[in-house]
Amino acid sequence: MDGQSFIPISSDEATFKREAAGSGFEKDGVSIDRNLLVSILAEDQVLVLNPGSDKVKMTKADLAKGLKGI
């Protein structure tokens, strides 16, 4: 995305399957608990939610904000 490295994440399994179709990565998706993902990300890593459609760019801090109250 704009020449920047990022980690693609999907909002759900159906979105992953739709966006991965034909990419060669159809069988490479894994589910991960959001708390665990936040705990292993570096502060400067960029994530892109649904990169084949929505392309919502976020950081570890953005993802962690969504965890408040969970």
C-alpha atoms as a PDB file:
ATOM      1  CA  MET A   1       0.000   0.000   0.000  1.00  0.00           C
ATOM      2  CA  ASP A   2       1.727   3.143  -1.192  1.00  0.00           C
ATOM      3  CA  GLY A   3       4.997   1.170  -1.193  1.00  0.00           C
ATOM      4  CA  GLN A   4       4.720   0.566   2.554  1.00  0.00           C
ATOM      5  CA  SER A   5       4.861  -2.898   4.098  1.00  0.00           C
ATOM      6  CA  PHE A   6       1.740  -3.924   5.975  1.00  0.00           C
ATOM      7  CA  ILE A   7       0.039  -6.894   7.578  1.00  0.00           C
ATOM      8  CA  PRO A   8      -3.275  -7.690   5.897  1.00  0.00           C
ATOM      9  CA  ILE A   9      -6.119  -8.587   8.255  1.00  0.00           C
ATOM     10  CA  SER A  10      -9.710  -9.470   7.462  1.00  0.00           C
ATOM     11  CA  SER A  11     -12.819  -8.582   9.394  1.00  0.00           C
ATOM     12  CA  ASP A  12     -14.176 -12.115   9.072  1.00  0.00           C
ATOM     13  CA  GLU A  13     -13.629 -15.441   7.338  1.00  0.00           C
ATOM     14  CA  ALA A  14     -16.030 -14.690   4.490  1.00  0.00           C
ATOM     15  CA  THR A  15     -14.185 -11.468   3.658  1.00  0.00           C
ATOM     16  CA  PHE A  16     -10.851 -13.277   3.735  1.00  0.00           C
ATOM     17  CA  LYS A  17     -12.121 -15.975   1.383  1.00  0.00           C
ATOM     18  CA  ARG A  18     -13.558 -13.415  -1.029  1.00  0.00           C
ATOM     19  CA  GLU A  19     -10.445 -11.233  -1.069  1.00  0.00           C
ATOM     20  CA  ALA A  20      -7.959 -14.118  -1.175  1.00  0.00           C
ATOM     21  CA  ALA A  21      -9.692 -15.876  -4.073  1.00  0.00           C
ATOM     22  CA  GLY A  22      -7.239 -16.385  -6.925  1.00  0.00           C
ATOM     23  CA  SER A  23      -4.283 -14.964  -4.994  1.00  0.00           C
ATOM     24  CA  GLY A  24      -2.593 -18.240  -4.137  1.00  0.00           C
ATOM     25  CA  PHE A  25      -3.118 -17.505  -0.434  1.00  0.00           C
ATOM     26  CA  GLU A  26      -6.605 -18.991  -0.148  1.00  0.00           C
ATOM     27  CA  LYS A  27      -5.446 -21.696   2.267  1.00  0.00           C
ATOM     28  CA  ASP A  28      -3.020 -19.520   4.232  1.00  0.00           C
ATOM     29  CA  GLY A  29      -5.475 -17.592   6.394  1.00  0.00           C
ATOM     30  CA  VAL A  30      -5.424 -18.098  10.141  1.00  0.00           C
ATOM     31  CA  SER A  31      -7.728 -16.897  12.875  1.00  0.00           C
ATOM     32  CA  ILE A  32      -6.083 -15.146  15.793  1.00  0.00           C
ATOM     33  CA  ASP A  33      -7.488 -13.615  18.938  1.00  0.00           C
ATOM     34  CA  ARG A  34      -7.266  -9.837  18.743  1.00  0.00           C
ATOM     35  CA  ASN A  35      -5.693  -9.623  22.217  1.00  0.00           C
ATOM     36  CA  LEU A  36      -2.963 -12.024  21.124  1.00  0.00           C
ATOM     37  CA  LEU A  37      -2.382 -10.120  17.890  1.00  0.00           C
ATOM     38  CA  VAL A  38      -1.991  -6.840  19.771  1.00  0.00           C
ATOM     39  CA  SER A  39       0.455  -8.477  22.184  1.00  0.00           C
ATOM     40  CA  ILE A  40       2.796  -9.658  19.415  1.00  0.00           C
ATOM     41  CA  LEU A  41       2.757  -6.612  17.129  1.00  0.00           C
ATOM     42  CA  ALA A  42       5.597  -4.112  17.129  1.00  0.00           C
ATOM     43  CA  GLU A  43       4.576  -0.494  17.721  1.00  0.00           C
ATOM     44  CA  ASP A  44       5.499   0.568  14.183  1.00  0.00           C
ATOM     45  CA  GLN A  45       3.764  -2.231  12.280  1.00  0.00           C
ATOM     46  CA  VAL A  46       0.961  -1.178   9.968  1.00  0.00           C
ATOM     47  CA  LEU A  47      -2.147  -3.297   9.490  1.00  0.00           C
ATOM     48  CA  VAL A  48      -4.665  -2.963   6.689  1.00  0.00           C
ATOM     49  CA  LEU A  49      -8.168  -4.203   7.366  1.00  0.00           C
ATOM     50  CA  ASN A  50      -9.743  -5.853   4.326  1.00  0.00           C
ATOM     51  CA  PRO A  51      -7.014  -4.744   1.898  1.00  0.00           C
ATOM     52  CA  GLY A  52      -8.974  -5.946  -1.138  1.00  0.00           C
ATOM     53  CA  SER A  53     -11.925  -3.674  -0.457  1.00  0.00           C
ATOM     54  CA  ASP A  54     -12.104  -1.317   2.540  1.00  0.00           C
ATOM     55  CA  LYS A  55      -8.356  -0.701   2.920  1.00  0.00           C
ATOM     56  CA  VAL A  56      -8.618   0.668   6.450  1.00  0.00           C
ATOM     57  CA  LYS A  57      -5.075   1.426   7.601  1.00  0.00           C
ATOM     58  CA  MET A  58      -4.364   1.052  11.319  1.00  0.00           C
ATOM     59  CA  THR A  59      -1.624   0.649  13.889  1.00  0.00           C
ATOM     60  CA  LYS A  60      -1.230  -1.523  16.956  1.00  0.00           C
ATOM     61  CA  ALA A  61      -2.610   1.349  19.046  1.00  0.00           C
ATOM     62  CA  ASP A  62      -5.683   1.628  16.804  1.00  0.00           C
ATOM     63  CA  LEU A  63      -6.349  -2.090  17.136  1.00  0.00           C
ATOM     64  CA  ALA A  64      -5.849  -1.971  20.906  1.00  0.00           C
ATOM     65  CA  LYS A  65      -8.342   0.916  21.255  1.00  0.00           C
ATOM     66  CA  GLY A  66     -11.006  -1.401  19.926  1.00  0.00           C
ATOM     67  CA  LEU A  67     -10.309  -3.765  22.819  1.00  0.00           C
ATOM     68  CA  LYS A  68     -11.398  -1.420  25.592  1.00  0.00           C
ATOM     69  CA  GLY A  69     -14.291  -2.903  27.457  1.00  0.00           C
ATOM     70  CA  ILE A  70     -13.720  -6.402  26.102  1.00  0.00           C
END
